PDB file of N, CA and C in Angstrom:
ATOM      1  N   MET A   1     -17.303 -37.320  26.961  1.00  0.00           N
ATOM      2  CA  MET A   1     -16.264 -36.537  26.300  1.00  0.00           C
ATOM      3  C   MET A   1     -15.442 -35.836  27.373  1.00  0.00           C
ATOM      4  N   SER A   2     -14.159 -35.931  27.258  1.00  0.00           N
ATOM      5  CA  SER A   2     -13.290 -35.220  28.198  1.00  0.00           C
ATOM      6  C   SER A   2     -12.432 -34.226  27.419  1.00  0.00           C
ATOM      7  N   ILE A   3     -12.111 -33.148  28.082  1.00  0.00           N
ATOM      8  CA  ILE A   3     -11.297 -32.105  27.468  1.00  0.00           C
ATOM      9  C   ILE A   3      -9.916 -32.154  28.094  1.00  0.00           C
ATOM     10  N   LYS A   4      -8.900 -32.133  27.261  1.00  0.00           N
ATOM     11  CA  LYS A   4      -7.525 -32.183  27.726  1.00  0.00           C
ATOM     12  C   LYS A   4      -6.843 -30.874  27.364  1.00  0.00           C
ATOM     13  N   PHE A   5      -6.368 -30.163  28.352  1.00  0.00           N
ATOM     14  CA  PHE A   5      -5.654 -28.912  28.122  1.00  0.00           C
ATOM     15  C   PHE A   5      -4.165 -29.188  28.089  1.00  0.00           C
ATOM     16  N   LYS A   6      -3.481 -28.553  27.150  1.00  0.00           N
ATOM     17  CA  LYS A   6      -2.035 -28.693  27.094  1.00  0.00           C
ATOM     18  C   LYS A   6      -1.435 -27.397  26.572  1.00  0.00           C
ATOM     19  N   ASP A   7      -0.181 -27.187  26.857  1.00  0.00           N
ATOM     20  CA  ASP A   7       0.508 -25.985  26.407  1.00  0.00           C
ATOM     21  C   ASP A   7       0.645 -26.006  24.888  1.00  0.00           C
ATOM     22  N   TYR A   8       0.549 -24.820  24.301  1.00  0.00           N
ATOM     23  CA  TYR A   8       0.658 -24.695  22.850  1.00  0.00           C
ATOM     24  C   TYR A   8       2.094 -24.897  22.401  1.00  0.00           C
ATOM     25  N   LYS A   9       2.234 -25.626  21.301  1.00  0.00           N
ATOM     26  CA  LYS A   9       3.507 -25.800  20.615  1.00  0.00           C
ATOM     27  C   LYS A   9       3.249 -25.501  19.149  1.00  0.00           C
ATOM     28  N   ASP A  10       4.257 -25.014  18.467  1.00  0.00           N
ATOM     29  CA  ASP A  10       4.093 -24.703  17.042  1.00  0.00           C
ATOM     30  C   ASP A  10       3.609 -25.906  16.238  1.00  0.00           C
ATOM     31  N   SER A  11       3.933 -27.094  16.701  1.00  0.00           N
ATOM     32  CA  SER A  11       3.492 -28.300  16.004  1.00  0.00           C
ATOM     33  C   SER A  11       1.978 -28.513  16.128  1.00  0.00           C
ATOM     34  N   ASN A  12       1.311 -27.800  17.036  1.00  0.00           N
ATOM     35  CA  ASN A  12      -0.143 -27.888  17.205  1.00  0.00           C
ATOM     36  C   ASN A  12      -0.904 -27.005  16.231  1.00  0.00           C
ATOM     37  N   PHE A  13      -0.206 -26.152  15.507  1.00  0.00           N
ATOM     38  CA  PHE A  13      -0.863 -25.154  14.660  1.00  0.00           C
ATOM     39  C   PHE A  13      -1.845 -25.779  13.668  1.00  0.00           C
ATOM     40  N   LYS A  14      -1.424 -26.826  12.986  1.00  0.00           N
ATOM     41  CA  LYS A  14      -2.293 -27.447  11.975  1.00  0.00           C
ATOM     42  C   LYS A  14      -3.574 -27.995  12.607  1.00  0.00           C
ATOM     43  N   ASP A  15      -3.448 -28.597  13.788  1.00  0.00           N
ATOM     44  CA  ASP A  15      -4.624 -29.137  14.467  1.00  0.00           C
ATOM     45  C   ASP A  15      -5.593 -28.028  14.864  1.00  0.00           C
ATOM     46  N   ILE A  16      -5.059 -26.922  15.350  1.00  0.00           N
ATOM     47  CA  ILE A  16      -5.914 -25.795  15.734  1.00  0.00           C
ATOM     48  C   ILE A  16      -6.586 -25.208  14.499  1.00  0.00           C
ATOM     49  N   ALA A  17      -5.831 -25.059  13.420  1.00  0.00           N
ATOM     50  CA  ALA A  17      -6.405 -24.530  12.182  1.00  0.00           C
ATOM     51  C   ALA A  17      -7.512 -25.447  11.665  1.00  0.00           C
ATOM     52  N   LEU A  18      -7.362 -26.747  11.804  1.00  0.00           N
ATOM     53  CA  LEU A  18      -8.409 -27.685  11.391  1.00  0.00           C
ATOM     54  C   LEU A  18      -9.661 -27.526  12.253  1.00  0.00           C
ATOM     55  N   CYS A  19      -9.476 -27.294  13.539  1.00  0.00           N
ATOM     56  CA  CYS A  19     -10.624 -27.050  14.426  1.00  0.00           C
ATOM     57  C   CYS A  19     -11.352 -25.779  14.024  1.00  0.00           C
ATOM     58  N   ILE A  20     -10.603 -24.738  13.732  1.00  0.00           N
ATOM     59  CA  ILE A  20     -11.194 -23.470  13.284  1.00  0.00           C
ATOM     60  C   ILE A  20     -11.943 -23.689  11.970  1.00  0.00           C
ATOM     61  N   GLU A  21     -11.364 -24.451  11.066  1.00  0.00           N
ATOM     62  CA  GLU A  21     -11.994 -24.760   9.780  1.00  0.00           C
ATOM     63  C   GLU A  21     -13.332 -25.475   9.999  1.00  0.00           C
ATOM     64  N   GLY A  22     -13.345 -26.423  10.931  1.00  0.00           N
ATOM     65  CA  GLY A  22     -14.585 -27.130  11.253  1.00  0.00           C
ATOM     66  C   GLY A  22     -15.634 -26.208  11.850  1.00  0.00           C
ATOM     67  N   LEU A  23     -15.200 -25.315  12.726  1.00  0.00           N
ATOM     68  CA  LEU A  23     -16.114 -24.352  13.328  1.00  0.00           C
ATOM     69  C   LEU A  23     -16.719 -23.439  12.262  1.00  0.00           C
ATOM     70  N   ILE A  24     -15.891 -22.950  11.365  1.00  0.00           N
ATOM     71  CA  ILE A  24     -16.369 -22.089  10.283  1.00  0.00           C
ATOM     72  C   ILE A  24     -17.391 -22.846   9.425  1.00  0.00           C
ATOM     73  N   GLY A  25     -17.094 -24.099   9.125  1.00  0.00           N
ATOM     74  CA  GLY A  25     -18.017 -24.919   8.333  1.00  0.00           C
ATOM     75  C   GLY A  25     -19.360 -25.073   9.018  1.00  0.00           C
ATOM     76  N   ARG A  26     -19.336 -25.250  10.325  1.00  0.00           N
ATOM     77  CA  ARG A  26     -20.589 -25.389  11.085  1.00  0.00           C
ATOM     78  C   ARG A  26     -21.377 -24.082  11.072  1.00  0.00           C
ATOM     79  N   VAL A  27     -20.701 -22.972  11.259  1.00  0.00           N
ATOM     80  CA  VAL A  27     -21.367 -21.663  11.244  1.00  0.00           C
ATOM     81  C   VAL A  27     -22.002 -21.417   9.876  1.00  0.00           C
ATOM     82  N   ILE A  28     -21.295 -21.779   8.810  1.00  0.00           N
ATOM     83  CA  ILE A  28     -21.836 -21.610   7.456  1.00  0.00           C
ATOM     84  C   ILE A  28     -23.121 -22.427   7.290  1.00  0.00           C
ATOM     85  N   LYS A  29     -23.124 -23.651   7.792  1.00  0.00           N
ATOM     86  CA  LYS A  29     -24.293 -24.524   7.648  1.00  0.00           C
ATOM     87  C   LYS A  29     -25.508 -24.003   8.403  1.00  0.00           C
ATOM     88  N   ILE A  30     -25.303 -23.370   9.549  1.00  0.00           N
ATOM     89  CA  ILE A  30     -26.451 -22.949  10.358  1.00  0.00           C
ATOM     90  C   ILE A  30     -26.850 -21.495  10.142  1.00  0.00           C
ATOM     91  N   ASP A  31     -26.145 -20.788   9.285  1.00  0.00           N
ATOM     92  CA  ASP A  31     -26.471 -19.388   9.006  1.00  0.00           C
ATOM     93  C   ASP A  31     -27.763 -19.327   8.184  1.00  0.00           C
ATOM     94  N   PRO A  32     -28.876 -18.902   8.799  1.00  0.00           N
ATOM     95  CA  PRO A  32     -30.147 -18.925   8.077  1.00  0.00           C
ATOM     96  C   PRO A  32     -30.207 -17.924   6.911  1.00  0.00           C
ATOM     97  N   LEU A  33     -29.432 -16.868   6.971  1.00  0.00           N
ATOM     98  CA  LEU A  33     -29.448 -15.867   5.902  1.00  0.00           C
ATOM     99  C   LEU A  33     -28.361 -16.091   4.859  1.00  0.00           C
ATOM    100  N   LYS A  34     -27.549 -17.129   5.073  1.00  0.00           N
ATOM    101  CA  LYS A  34     -26.476 -17.494   4.134  1.00  0.00           C
ATOM    102  C   LYS A  34     -25.514 -16.337   3.874  1.00  0.00           C
ATOM    103  N   ARG A  35     -25.187 -15.595   4.929  1.00  0.00           N
ATOM    104  CA  ARG A  35     -24.248 -14.478   4.805  1.00  0.00           C
ATOM    105  C   ARG A  35     -22.800 -14.926   5.009  1.00  0.00           C
ATOM    106  N   GLN A  36     -22.621 -16.021   5.719  1.00  0.00           N
ATOM    107  CA  GLN A  36     -21.278 -16.515   6.009  1.00  0.00           C
ATOM    108  C   GLN A  36     -20.720 -17.267   4.818  1.00  0.00           C
ATOM    109  N   ARG A  37     -19.420 -17.125   4.611  1.00  0.00           N
ATOM    110  CA  ARG A  37     -18.753 -17.875   3.547  1.00  0.00           C
ATOM    111  C   ARG A  37     -17.319 -18.153   3.961  1.00  0.00           C
ATOM    112  N   ARG A  38     -16.728 -19.111   3.330  1.00  0.00           N
ATOM    113  CA  ARG A  38     -15.365 -19.525   3.658  1.00  0.00           C
ATOM    114  C   ARG A  38     -14.412 -18.948   2.624  1.00  0.00           C
ATOM    115  N   MET A  39     -13.573 -18.037   3.075  1.00  0.00           N
ATOM    116  CA  MET A  39     -12.596 -17.420   2.184  1.00  0.00           C
ATOM    117  C   MET A  39     -11.320 -18.269   2.182  1.00  0.00           C
ATOM    118  N   PRO A  40     -10.587 -18.288   1.080  1.00  0.00           N
ATOM    119  CA  PRO A  40      -9.345 -19.060   1.027  1.00  0.00           C
ATOM    120  C   PRO A  40      -8.367 -18.612   2.119  1.00  0.00           C
ATOM    121  N   ALA A  41      -7.787 -19.557   2.770  1.00  0.00           N
ATOM    122  CA  ALA A  41      -6.759 -19.346   3.803  1.00  0.00           C
ATOM    123  C   ALA A  41      -7.278 -18.626   5.048  1.00  0.00           C
ATOM    124  N   TYR A  42      -8.609 -18.500   5.193  1.00  0.00           N
ATOM    125  CA  TYR A  42      -9.133 -17.797   6.363  1.00  0.00           C
ATOM    126  C   TYR A  42      -8.730 -18.479   7.658  1.00  0.00           C
ATOM    127  N   SER A  43      -8.911 -19.796   7.734  1.00  0.00           N
ATOM    128  CA  SER A  43      -8.623 -20.487   8.997  1.00  0.00           C
ATOM    129  C   SER A  43      -7.149 -20.373   9.370  1.00  0.00           C
ATOM    130  N   LYS A  44      -6.270 -20.430   8.377  1.00  0.00           N
ATOM    131  CA  LYS A  44      -4.832 -20.290   8.651  1.00  0.00           C
ATOM    132  C   LYS A  44      -4.529 -18.882   9.172  1.00  0.00           C
ATOM    133  N   ASN A  45      -5.054 -17.867   8.513  1.00  0.00           N
ATOM    134  CA  ASN A  45      -4.800 -16.487   8.935  1.00  0.00           C
ATOM    135  C   ASN A  45      -5.438 -16.188  10.290  1.00  0.00           C
ATOM    136  N   TYR A  46      -6.665 -16.652  10.482  1.00  0.00           N
ATOM    137  CA  TYR A  46      -7.345 -16.428  11.757  1.00  0.00           C
ATOM    138  C   TYR A  46      -6.593 -17.117  12.892  1.00  0.00           C
ATOM    139  N   THR A  47      -6.123 -18.337  12.643  1.00  0.00           N
ATOM    140  CA  THR A  47      -5.387 -19.079  13.667  1.00  0.00           C
ATOM    141  C   THR A  47      -4.094 -18.365  14.034  1.00  0.00           C
ATOM    142  N   LYS A  48      -3.384 -17.824  13.052  1.00  0.00           N
ATOM    143  CA  LYS A  48      -2.164 -17.055  13.333  1.00  0.00           C
ATOM    144  C   LYS A  48      -2.479 -15.871  14.243  1.00  0.00           C
ATOM    145  N   THR A  49      -3.550 -15.143  13.912  1.00  0.00           N
ATOM    146  CA  THR A  49      -3.950 -13.986  14.714  1.00  0.00           C
ATOM    147  C   THR A  49      -4.348 -14.419  16.114  1.00  0.00           C
ATOM    148  N   LEU A  50      -5.118 -15.486  16.218  1.00  0.00           N
ATOM    149  CA  LEU A  50      -5.579 -15.986  17.510  1.00  0.00           C
ATOM    150  C   LEU A  50      -4.409 -16.398  18.398  1.00  0.00           C
ATOM    151  N   VAL A  51      -3.476 -17.169  17.862  1.00  0.00           N
ATOM    152  CA  VAL A  51      -2.309 -17.615  18.631  1.00  0.00           C
ATOM    153  C   VAL A  51      -1.481 -16.409  19.080  1.00  0.00           C
ATOM    154  N   SER A  52      -1.324 -15.441  18.214  1.00  0.00           N
ATOM    155  CA  SER A  52      -0.569 -14.231  18.545  1.00  0.00           C
ATOM    156  C   SER A  52      -1.219 -13.478  19.704  1.00  0.00           C
ATOM    157  N   LYS A  53      -2.541 -13.316  19.666  1.00  0.00           N
ATOM    158  CA  LYS A  53      -3.250 -12.616  20.737  1.00  0.00           C
ATOM    159  C   LYS A  53      -3.175 -13.376  22.053  1.00  0.00           C
ATOM    160  N   VAL A  54      -3.307 -14.678  21.988  1.00  0.00           N
ATOM    161  CA  VAL A  54      -3.231 -15.489  23.209  1.00  0.00           C
ATOM    162  C   VAL A  54      -1.854 -15.379  23.843  1.00  0.00           C
ATOM    163  N   LYS A  55      -0.803 -15.453  23.022  1.00  0.00           N
ATOM    164  CA  LYS A  55       0.555 -15.315  23.540  1.00  0.00           C
ATOM    165  C   LYS A  55       0.764 -13.932  24.142  1.00  0.00           C
ATOM    166  N   LYS A  56       0.319 -12.901  23.447  1.00  0.00           N
ATOM    167  CA  LYS A  56       0.486 -11.521  23.902  1.00  0.00           C
ATOM    168  C   LYS A  56      -0.198 -11.281  25.242  1.00  0.00           C
ATOM    169  N   ASN A  57      -1.386 -11.863  25.416  1.00  0.00           N
ATOM    170  CA  ASN A  57      -2.172 -11.651  26.635  1.00  0.00           C
ATOM    171  C   ASN A  57      -1.963 -12.735  27.680  1.00  0.00           C
ATOM    172  N   ASP A  58      -0.999 -13.615  27.430  1.00  0.00           N
ATOM    173  CA  ASP A  58      -0.664 -14.703  28.355  1.00  0.00           C
ATOM    174  C   ASP A  58      -1.885 -15.570  28.683  1.00  0.00           C
ATOM    175  N   GLY A  59      -2.590 -15.906  27.638  1.00  0.00           N
ATOM    176  CA  GLY A  59      -3.730 -16.807  27.836  1.00  0.00           C
ATOM    177  C   GLY A  59      -5.002 -16.281  27.268  1.00  0.00           C
TER     178      GLY A  59
END
């Protein structure tokens, strides 16, 4: 497996949100106490916040 880094473009947003969605799904599956849950639009909102923080902090 190789990792490819590239500069963020607004067109990448959906792909990043899908990755976040997959990560959330994995965390839900491995949570032994079943405290984690997937709220509607969480991955979209979290991704917006994440991209904003990364831009603000220049990385």
